[in-house]
């Protein structure tokens, strides 16, 4: 689980955890025990992960569900096409 989160800037969604076979009650327990930190509803930072701008962007996309994408300035920054001062 930690390896998958590391590849995704320290984030996992509830759907991704379910696909890995993690029961909803287990996810809830991990949130209560602070193993997972809620970033948005259904999106979690693993452990004490400190999110960079890329992580915040991915969290927003994951929270919006399948088919969601970055757009405009955020997408351009993510691809390294422009420099921004975005921290989130």
PDB file of N, CA and C in Angstrom:
ATOM      1  N   UNK A   1       0.818  -1.183   0.000  1.00  0.00           N
ATOM      2  CA  UNK A   1       0.000   0.000   0.000  1.00  0.00           C
ATOM      3  C   UNK A   1       0.864   1.249   0.000  1.00  0.00           C
ATOM      4  N   UNK A   2       1.891   1.277   0.830  1.00  0.00           N
ATOM      5  CA  UNK A   2       2.750   2.455   0.918  1.00  0.00           C
ATOM      6  C   UNK A   2       3.474   2.704  -0.399  1.00  0.00           C
ATOM      7  N   UNK A   3       3.845   1.628  -1.100  1.00  0.00           N
ATOM      8  CA  UNK A   3       4.519   1.782  -2.392  1.00  0.00           C
ATOM      9  C   UNK A   3       3.602   2.459  -3.406  1.00  0.00           C
ATOM     10  N   UNK A   4       2.368   2.024  -3.434  1.00  0.00           N
ATOM     11  CA  UNK A   4       1.409   2.617  -4.366  1.00  0.00           C
ATOM     12  C   UNK A   4       1.183   4.087  -4.035  1.00  0.00           C
ATOM     13  N   UNK A   5       1.063   4.399  -2.755  1.00  0.00           N
ATOM     14  CA  UNK A   5       0.869   5.790  -2.345  1.00  0.00           C
ATOM     15  C   UNK A   5       2.081   6.640  -2.698  1.00  0.00           C
ATOM     16  N   UNK A   6       3.261   6.096  -2.525  1.00  0.00           N
ATOM     17  CA  UNK A   6       4.478   6.841  -2.833  1.00  0.00           C
ATOM     18  C   UNK A   6       4.529   7.220  -4.306  1.00  0.00           C
ATOM     19  N   UNK A   7       4.039   6.335  -5.164  1.00  0.00           N
ATOM     20  CA  UNK A   7       4.008   6.633  -6.596  1.00  0.00           C
ATOM     21  C   UNK A   7       2.973   7.697  -6.927  1.00  0.00           C
ATOM     22  N   UNK A   8       2.061   7.955  -6.006  1.00  0.00           N
ATOM     23  CA  UNK A   8       0.981   8.917  -6.228  1.00  0.00           C
ATOM     24  C   UNK A   8       1.081  10.081  -5.247  1.00  0.00           C
ATOM     25  N   UNK A   9       2.278  10.537  -5.003  1.00  0.00           N
ATOM     26  CA  UNK A   9       2.536  11.675  -4.121  1.00  0.00           C
ATOM     27  C   UNK A   9       1.949  11.487  -2.718  1.00  0.00           C
ATOM     28  N   UNK A  10       1.952  10.254  -2.215  1.00  0.00           N
ATOM     29  CA  UNK A  10       1.507   9.981  -0.850  1.00  0.00           C
ATOM     30  C   UNK A  10       0.011   9.865  -0.677  1.00  0.00           C
ATOM     31  N   UNK A  11      -0.726   9.676  -1.772  1.00  0.00           N
ATOM     32  CA  UNK A  11      -2.188   9.659  -1.722  1.00  0.00           C
ATOM     33  C   UNK A  11      -2.776   8.338  -2.184  1.00  0.00           C
ATOM     34  N   UNK A  12      -3.912   8.005  -1.607  1.00  0.00           N
ATOM     35  CA  UNK A  12      -4.737   6.894  -2.073  1.00  0.00           C
ATOM     36  C   UNK A  12      -6.193   7.294  -1.914  1.00  0.00           C
ATOM     37  N   UNK A  13      -7.037   6.807  -2.812  1.00  0.00           N
ATOM     38  CA  UNK A  13      -8.472   7.047  -2.681  1.00  0.00           C
ATOM     39  C   UNK A  13      -9.126   5.826  -2.032  1.00  0.00           C
ATOM     40  N   UNK A  14     -10.323   6.029  -1.552  1.00  0.00           N
ATOM     41  CA  UNK A  14     -11.076   4.913  -0.975  1.00  0.00           C
ATOM     42  C   UNK A  14     -11.297   3.834  -2.031  1.00  0.00           C
ATOM     43  N   UNK A  15     -11.568   4.244  -3.263  1.00  0.00           N
ATOM     44  CA  UNK A  15     -11.777   3.276  -4.348  1.00  0.00           C
ATOM     45  C   UNK A  15     -10.504   2.469  -4.602  1.00  0.00           C
ATOM     46  N   UNK A  16      -9.355   3.115  -4.564  1.00  0.00           N
ATOM     47  CA  UNK A  16      -8.094   2.401  -4.765  1.00  0.00           C
ATOM     48  C   UNK A  16      -7.847   1.409  -3.628  1.00  0.00           C
ATOM     49  N   UNK A  17      -8.164   1.820  -2.409  1.00  0.00           N
ATOM     50  CA  UNK A  17      -7.995   0.919  -1.272  1.00  0.00           C
ATOM     51  C   UNK A  17      -8.933  -0.285  -1.393  1.00  0.00           C
ATOM     52  N   UNK A  18     -10.175  -0.041  -1.837  1.00  0.00           N
ATOM     53  CA  UNK A  18     -11.117  -1.147  -2.034  1.00  0.00           C
ATOM     54  C   UNK A  18     -10.589  -2.108  -3.097  1.00  0.00           C
ATOM     55  N   UNK A  19     -10.007  -1.561  -4.168  1.00  0.00           N
ATOM     56  CA  UNK A  19      -9.457  -2.400  -5.238  1.00  0.00           C
ATOM     57  C   UNK A  19      -8.291  -3.248  -4.744  1.00  0.00           C
ATOM     58  N   UNK A  20      -7.620  -2.773  -3.701  1.00  0.00           N
ATOM     59  CA  UNK A  20      -6.530  -3.531  -3.090  1.00  0.00           C
ATOM     60  C   UNK A  20      -7.036  -4.550  -2.072  1.00  0.00           C
ATOM     61  N   UNK A  21      -8.370  -4.583  -1.866  1.00  0.00           N
ATOM     62  CA  UNK A  21      -8.969  -5.542  -0.948  1.00  0.00           C
ATOM     63  C   UNK A  21      -9.118  -5.052   0.480  1.00  0.00           C
ATOM     64  N   UNK A  22      -8.970  -3.761   0.703  1.00  0.00           N
ATOM     65  CA  UNK A  22      -9.102  -3.203   2.049  1.00  0.00           C
ATOM     66  C   UNK A  22     -10.580  -2.922   2.333  1.00  0.00           C
ATOM     67  N   UNK A  23     -11.084  -3.466   3.416  1.00  0.00           N
ATOM     68  CA  UNK A  23     -12.492  -3.298   3.789  1.00  0.00           C
ATOM     69  C   UNK A  23     -12.771  -1.861   4.233  1.00  0.00           C
ATOM     70  N   UNK A  24     -13.983  -1.354   3.972  1.00  0.00           N
ATOM     71  CA  UNK A  24     -14.337  -0.001   4.395  1.00  0.00           C
ATOM     72  C   UNK A  24     -14.128   0.241   5.896  1.00  0.00           C
ATOM     73  N   UNK A  25     -14.439  -0.753   6.712  1.00  0.00           N
ATOM     74  CA  UNK A  25     -14.242  -0.603   8.161  1.00  0.00           C
ATOM     75  C   UNK A  25     -12.764  -0.439   8.502  1.00  0.00           C
ATOM     76  N   UNK A  26     -11.913  -1.095   7.747  1.00  0.00           N
ATOM     77  CA  UNK A  26     -10.469  -0.962   7.962  1.00  0.00           C
ATOM     78  C   UNK A  26     -10.007   0.441   7.596  1.00  0.00           C
ATOM     79  N   UNK A  27     -10.519   0.972   6.484  1.00  0.00           N
ATOM     80  CA  UNK A  27     -10.179   2.345   6.096  1.00  0.00           C
ATOM     81  C   UNK A  27     -10.605   3.307   7.203  1.00  0.00           C
ATOM     82  N   UNK A  28     -11.812   3.142   7.708  1.00  0.00           N
ATOM     83  CA  UNK A  28     -12.309   4.007   8.791  1.00  0.00           C
ATOM     84  C   UNK A  28     -11.415   3.901  10.023  1.00  0.00           C
ATOM     85  N   UNK A  29     -10.986   2.694  10.360  1.00  0.00           N
ATOM     86  CA  UNK A  29     -10.093   2.504  11.506  1.00  0.00           C
ATOM     87  C   UNK A  29      -8.761   3.204  11.280  1.00  0.00           C
ATOM     88  N   UNK A  30      -8.214   3.076  10.062  1.00  0.00           N
ATOM     89  CA  UNK A  30      -6.936   3.721   9.753  1.00  0.00           C
ATOM     90  C   UNK A  30      -7.045   5.238   9.830  1.00  0.00           C
ATOM     91  N   UNK A  31      -8.211   5.777   9.464  1.00  0.00           N
ATOM     92  CA  UNK A  31      -8.424   7.227   9.587  1.00  0.00           C
ATOM     93  C   UNK A  31      -8.463   7.612  11.067  1.00  0.00           C
ATOM     94  N   UNK A  32      -9.205   6.854  11.875  1.00  0.00           N
ATOM     95  CA  UNK A  32      -9.305   7.147  13.304  1.00  0.00           C
ATOM     96  C   UNK A  32      -7.967   7.020  14.005  1.00  0.00           C
ATOM     97  N   UNK A  33      -7.150   6.065  13.577  1.00  0.00           N
ATOM     98  CA  UNK A  33      -5.846   5.852  14.212  1.00  0.00           C
ATOM     99  C   UNK A  33      -4.751   6.714  13.577  1.00  0.00           C
ATOM    100  N   UNK A  34      -5.137   7.561  12.633  1.00  0.00           N
ATOM    101  CA  UNK A  34      -4.249   8.515  11.959  1.00  0.00           C
ATOM    102  C   UNK A  34      -3.190   7.864  11.059  1.00  0.00           C
ATOM    103  N   UNK A  35      -3.440   6.652  10.697  1.00  0.00           N
ATOM    104  CA  UNK A  35      -2.580   6.007   9.696  1.00  0.00           C
ATOM    105  C   UNK A  35      -2.846   6.630   8.323  1.00  0.00           C
ATOM    106  N   UNK A  36      -4.106   7.039   8.131  1.00  0.00           N
ATOM    107  CA  UNK A  36      -4.507   7.785   6.939  1.00  0.00           C
ATOM    108  C   UNK A  36      -5.039   9.141   7.394  1.00  0.00           C
ATOM    109  N   UNK A  37      -4.681  10.185   6.635  1.00  0.00           N
ATOM    110  CA  UNK A  37      -5.179  11.531   6.930  1.00  0.00           C
ATOM    111  C   UNK A  37      -6.134  11.932   5.806  1.00  0.00           C
ATOM    112  N   UNK A  38      -7.330  12.361   6.176  1.00  0.00           N
ATOM    113  CA  UNK A  38      -8.315  12.775   5.185  1.00  0.00           C
ATOM    114  C   UNK A  38      -7.860  14.087   4.549  1.00  0.00           C
ATOM    115  N   UNK A  39      -7.740  14.076   3.219  1.00  0.00           N
ATOM    116  CA  UNK A  39      -7.410  15.286   2.470  1.00  0.00           C
ATOM    117  C   UNK A  39      -8.708  15.866   1.918  1.00  0.00           C
ATOM    118  N   UNK A  40      -9.487  15.038   1.252  1.00  0.00           N
ATOM    119  CA  UNK A  40     -10.840  15.328   0.788  1.00  0.00           C
ATOM    120  C   UNK A  40     -11.652  14.079   1.069  1.00  0.00           C
ATOM    121  N   UNK A  41     -12.969  14.190   0.985  1.00  0.00           N
ATOM    122  CA  UNK A  41     -13.816  13.024   1.215  1.00  0.00           C
ATOM    123  C   UNK A  41     -13.394  11.901   0.263  1.00  0.00           C
ATOM    124  N   UNK A  42     -12.998  10.768   0.829  1.00  0.00           N
ATOM    125  CA  UNK A  42     -12.605   9.611   0.045  1.00  0.00           C
ATOM    126  C   UNK A  42     -11.187   9.649  -0.492  1.00  0.00           C
ATOM    127  N   UNK A  43     -10.401  10.647  -0.075  1.00  0.00           N
ATOM    128  CA  UNK A  43      -9.012  10.768  -0.517  1.00  0.00           C
ATOM    129  C   UNK A  43      -8.139  10.944   0.720  1.00  0.00           C
ATOM    130  N   UNK A  44      -7.079  10.141   0.815  1.00  0.00           N
ATOM    131  CA  UNK A  44      -6.271  10.094   2.029  1.00  0.00           C
ATOM    132  C   UNK A  44      -4.783  10.243   1.745  1.00  0.00           C
ATOM    133  N   UNK A  45      -4.103  10.942   2.642  1.00  0.00           N
ATOM    134  CA  UNK A  45      -2.643  10.978   2.641  1.00  0.00           C
ATOM    135  C   UNK A  45      -2.195   9.840   3.557  1.00  0.00           C
ATOM    136  N   UNK A  46      -1.213   9.094   3.129  1.00  0.00           N
ATOM    137  CA  UNK A  46      -0.746   7.951   3.896  1.00  0.00           C
ATOM    138  C   UNK A  46       0.236   8.418   4.959  1.00  0.00           C
ATOM    139  N   UNK A  47      -0.023   7.988   6.202  1.00  0.00           N
ATOM    140  CA  UNK A  47       0.861   8.324   7.315  1.00  0.00           C
ATOM    141  C   UNK A  47       0.998   9.818   7.491  1.00  0.00           C
ATOM    142  N   UNK A  48       2.206  10.255   7.669  1.00  0.00           N
ATOM    143  CA  UNK A  48       2.459  11.672   7.887  1.00  0.00           C
ATOM    144  C   UNK A  48       2.892  12.389   6.629  1.00  0.00           C
ATOM    145  N   UNK A  49       2.454  11.885   5.466  1.00  0.00           N
ATOM    146  CA  UNK A  49       2.887  12.482   4.206  1.00  0.00           C
ATOM    147  C   UNK A  49       2.566  13.976   4.168  1.00  0.00           C
ATOM    148  N   UNK A  50       3.572  14.764   3.844  1.00  0.00           N
ATOM    149  CA  UNK A  50       3.387  16.192   3.625  1.00  0.00           C
ATOM    150  C   UNK A  50       3.212  16.377   2.126  1.00  0.00           C
ATOM    151  N   UNK A  51       2.072  16.901   1.749  1.00  0.00           N
ATOM    152  CA  UNK A  51       1.759  16.996   0.327  1.00  0.00           C
ATOM    153  C   UNK A  51       2.394  18.213  -0.323  1.00  0.00           C
ATOM    154  N   UNK A  52       3.032  17.973  -1.450  1.00  0.00           N
ATOM    155  CA  UNK A  52       3.522  19.053  -2.297  1.00  0.00           C
ATOM    156  C   UNK A  52       2.360  19.494  -3.189  1.00  0.00           C
ATOM    157  N   UNK A  53       2.594  20.497  -4.009  1.00  0.00           N
ATOM    158  CA  UNK A  53       1.546  20.999  -4.903  1.00  0.00           C
ATOM    159  C   UNK A  53       0.973  19.885  -5.771  1.00  0.00           C
ATOM    160  N   UNK A  54       1.840  18.992  -6.284  1.00  0.00           N
ATOM    161  CA  UNK A  54       1.376  17.876  -7.115  1.00  0.00           C
ATOM    162  C   UNK A  54       0.401  16.976  -6.354  1.00  0.00           C
ATOM    163  N   UNK A  55       0.680  16.760  -5.095  1.00  0.00           N
ATOM    164  CA  UNK A  55      -0.198  15.936  -4.273  1.00  0.00           C
ATOM    165  C   UNK A  55      -1.549  16.581  -4.059  1.00  0.00           C
ATOM    166  N   UNK A  56      -1.568  17.871  -3.822  1.00  0.00           N
ATOM    167  CA  UNK A  56      -2.841  18.582  -3.651  1.00  0.00           C
ATOM    168  C   UNK A  56      -3.660  18.543  -4.937  1.00  0.00           C
ATOM    169  N   UNK A  57      -2.987  18.684  -6.071  1.00  0.00           N
ATOM    170  CA  UNK A  57      -3.696  18.618  -7.352  1.00  0.00           C
ATOM    171  C   UNK A  57      -4.287  17.231  -7.575  1.00  0.00           C
ATOM    172  N   UNK A  58      -3.481  16.196  -7.327  1.00  0.00           N
ATOM    173  CA  UNK A  58      -3.975  14.832  -7.505  1.00  0.00           C
ATOM    174  C   UNK A  58      -5.131  14.552  -6.542  1.00  0.00           C
ATOM    175  N   UNK A  59      -5.050  15.031  -5.324  1.00  0.00           N
ATOM    176  CA  UNK A  59      -6.128  14.826  -4.355  1.00  0.00           C
ATOM    177  C   UNK A  59      -7.435  15.416  -4.861  1.00  0.00           C
ATOM    178  N   UNK A  60      -7.371  16.607  -5.445  1.00  0.00           N
ATOM    179  CA  UNK A  60      -8.576  17.239  -5.983  1.00  0.00           C
ATOM    180  C   UNK A  60      -9.158  16.420  -7.128  1.00  0.00           C
ATOM    181  N   UNK A  61      -8.298  15.916  -8.011  1.00  0.00           N
ATOM    182  CA  UNK A  61      -8.763  15.099  -9.136  1.00  0.00           C
ATOM    183  C   UNK A  61      -9.387  13.807  -8.620  1.00  0.00           C
ATOM    184  N   UNK A  62      -8.736  13.141  -7.671  1.00  0.00           N
ATOM    185  CA  UNK A  62      -9.286  11.902  -7.111  1.00  0.00           C
ATOM    186  C   UNK A  62     -10.631  12.149  -6.431  1.00  0.00           C
ATOM    187  N   UNK A  63     -10.771  13.276  -5.740  1.00  0.00           N
ATOM    188  CA  UNK A  63     -12.015  13.589  -5.039  1.00  0.00           C
ATOM    189  C   UNK A  63     -13.167  13.812  -6.012  1.00  0.00           C
ATOM    190  N   UNK A  64     -12.857  14.281  -7.212  1.00  0.00           N
ATOM    191  CA  UNK A  64     -13.899  14.554  -8.208  1.00  0.00           C
ATOM    192  C   UNK A  64     -14.342  13.308  -8.963  1.00  0.00           C
ATOM    193  N   UNK A  65     -13.595  12.228  -8.841  1.00  0.00           N
ATOM    194  CA  UNK A  65     -14.030  10.956  -9.396  1.00  0.00           C
ATOM    195  C   UNK A  65     -13.536  10.659 -10.798  1.00  0.00           C
ATOM    196  N   UNK A  66     -13.986   9.522 -11.332  1.00  0.00           N
ATOM    197  CA  UNK A  66     -13.543   9.083 -12.656  1.00  0.00           C
ATOM    198  C   UNK A  66     -13.837  10.148 -13.714  1.00  0.00           C
ATOM    199  N   UNK A  67     -12.900  10.329 -14.591  1.00  0.00           N
ATOM    200  CA  UNK A  67     -13.078  11.293 -15.660  1.00  0.00           C
ATOM    201  C   UNK A  67     -12.613  12.696 -15.315  1.00  0.00           C
ATOM    202  N   UNK A  68     -12.297  12.949 -14.055  1.00  0.00           N
ATOM    203  CA  UNK A  68     -11.836  14.277 -13.650  1.00  0.00           C
ATOM    204  C   UNK A  68     -10.399  14.494 -14.118  1.00  0.00           C
ATOM    205  N   UNK A  69     -10.088  15.715 -14.477  1.00  0.00           N
ATOM    206  CA  UNK A  69      -8.749  16.063 -14.948  1.00  0.00           C
ATOM    207  C   UNK A  69      -8.365  17.443 -14.442  1.00  0.00           C
ATOM    208  N   UNK A  70      -7.078  17.720 -14.473  1.00  0.00           N
ATOM    209  CA  UNK A  70      -6.601  19.071 -14.225  1.00  0.00           C
ATOM    210  C   UNK A  70      -6.834  19.899 -15.480  1.00  0.00           C
ATOM    211  N   UNK A  71      -6.979  21.191 -15.298  1.00  0.00           N
ATOM    212  CA  UNK A  71      -7.215  22.055 -16.440  1.00  0.00           C
ATOM    213  C   UNK A  71      -6.443  23.355 -16.290  1.00  0.00           C
ATOM    214  N   UNK A  72      -6.247  24.010 -17.378  1.00  0.00           N
ATOM    215  CA  UNK A  72      -5.669  25.336 -17.461  1.00  0.00           C
ATOM    216  C   UNK A  72      -4.326  25.449 -16.735  1.00  0.00           C
ATOM    217  N   UNK A  73      -4.224  26.402 -15.838  1.00  0.00           N
ATOM    218  CA  UNK A  73      -2.962  26.728 -15.174  1.00  0.00           C
ATOM    219  C   UNK A  73      -2.418  25.549 -14.353  1.00  0.00           C
ATOM    220  N   UNK A  74      -3.302  24.854 -13.646  1.00  0.00           N
ATOM    221  CA  UNK A  74      -2.851  23.715 -12.836  1.00  0.00           C
ATOM    222  C   UNK A  74      -2.272  22.610 -13.714  1.00  0.00           C
ATOM    223  N   UNK A  75      -2.919  22.332 -14.822  1.00  0.00           N
ATOM    224  CA  UNK A  75      -2.421  21.299 -15.730  1.00  0.00           C
ATOM    225  C   UNK A  75      -1.092  21.719 -16.353  1.00  0.00           C
ATOM    226  N   UNK A  76      -1.000  22.957 -16.758  1.00  0.00           N
ATOM    227  CA  UNK A  76       0.247  23.441 -17.359  1.00  0.00           C
ATOM    228  C   UNK A  76       1.394  23.379 -16.360  1.00  0.00           C
ATOM    229  N   UNK A  77       1.114  23.719 -15.125  1.00  0.00           N
ATOM    230  CA  UNK A  77       2.141  23.643 -14.087  1.00  0.00           C
ATOM    231  C   UNK A  77       2.542  22.202 -13.817  1.00  0.00           C
ATOM    232  N   UNK A  78       1.563  21.315 -13.765  1.00  0.00           N
ATOM    233  CA  UNK A  78       1.834  19.898 -13.522  1.00  0.00           C
ATOM    234  C   UNK A  78       2.757  19.320 -14.588  1.00  0.00           C
ATOM    235  N   UNK A  79       2.564  19.714 -15.824  1.00  0.00           N
ATOM    236  CA  UNK A  79       3.367  19.235 -16.941  1.00  0.00           C
ATOM    237  C   UNK A  79       4.677  20.006 -17.101  1.00  0.00           C
ATOM    238  N   UNK A  80       4.900  20.996 -16.251  1.00  0.00           N
ATOM    239  CA  UNK A  80       6.138  21.759 -16.314  1.00  0.00           C
ATOM    240  C   UNK A  80       6.188  22.757 -17.457  1.00  0.00           C
ATOM    241  N   UNK A  81       5.024  23.126 -17.972  1.00  0.00           N
ATOM    242  CA  UNK A  81       4.969  24.066 -19.081  1.00  0.00           C
ATOM    243  C   UNK A  81       5.083  25.517 -18.619  1.00  0.00           C
ATOM    244  N   UNK A  82       4.626  25.781 -17.405  1.00  0.00           N
ATOM    245  CA  UNK A  82       4.761  27.114 -16.832  1.00  0.00           C
ATOM    246  C   UNK A  82       5.172  26.975 -15.363  1.00  0.00           C
ATOM    247  N   UNK A  83       5.773  28.001 -14.860  1.00  0.00           N
ATOM    248  CA  UNK A  83       6.107  28.042 -13.435  1.00  0.00           C
ATOM    249  C   UNK A  83       4.996  28.806 -12.722  1.00  0.00           C
ATOM    250  N   UNK A  84       4.579  28.298 -11.584  1.00  0.00           N
ATOM    251  CA  UNK A  84       3.578  28.996 -10.786  1.00  0.00           C
ATOM    252  C   UNK A  84       4.043  29.036  -9.349  1.00  0.00           C
ATOM    253  N   UNK A  85       3.369  29.836  -8.570  1.00  0.00           N
ATOM    254  CA  UNK A  85       3.671  29.886  -7.139  1.00  0.00           C
ATOM    255  C   UNK A  85       2.622  29.085  -6.363  1.00  0.00           C
ATOM    256  N   UNK A  86       1.896  28.207  -7.062  1.00  0.00           N
ATOM    257  CA  UNK A  86       0.866  27.404  -6.416  1.00  0.00           C
ATOM    258  C   UNK A  86       1.476  26.465  -5.385  1.00  0.00           C
ATOM    259  N   UNK A  87       0.911  26.501  -4.201  1.00  0.00           N
ATOM    260  CA  UNK A  87       1.303  25.554  -3.168  1.00  0.00           C
ATOM    261  C   UNK A  87       0.250  24.491  -2.987  1.00  0.00           C
ATOM    262  N   UNK A  88      -0.931  24.726  -3.508  1.00  0.00           N
ATOM    263  CA  UNK A  88      -2.050  23.795  -3.400  1.00  0.00           C
ATOM    264  C   UNK A  88      -2.684  23.599  -4.726  1.00  0.00           C
TER     265      UNK A  88
END
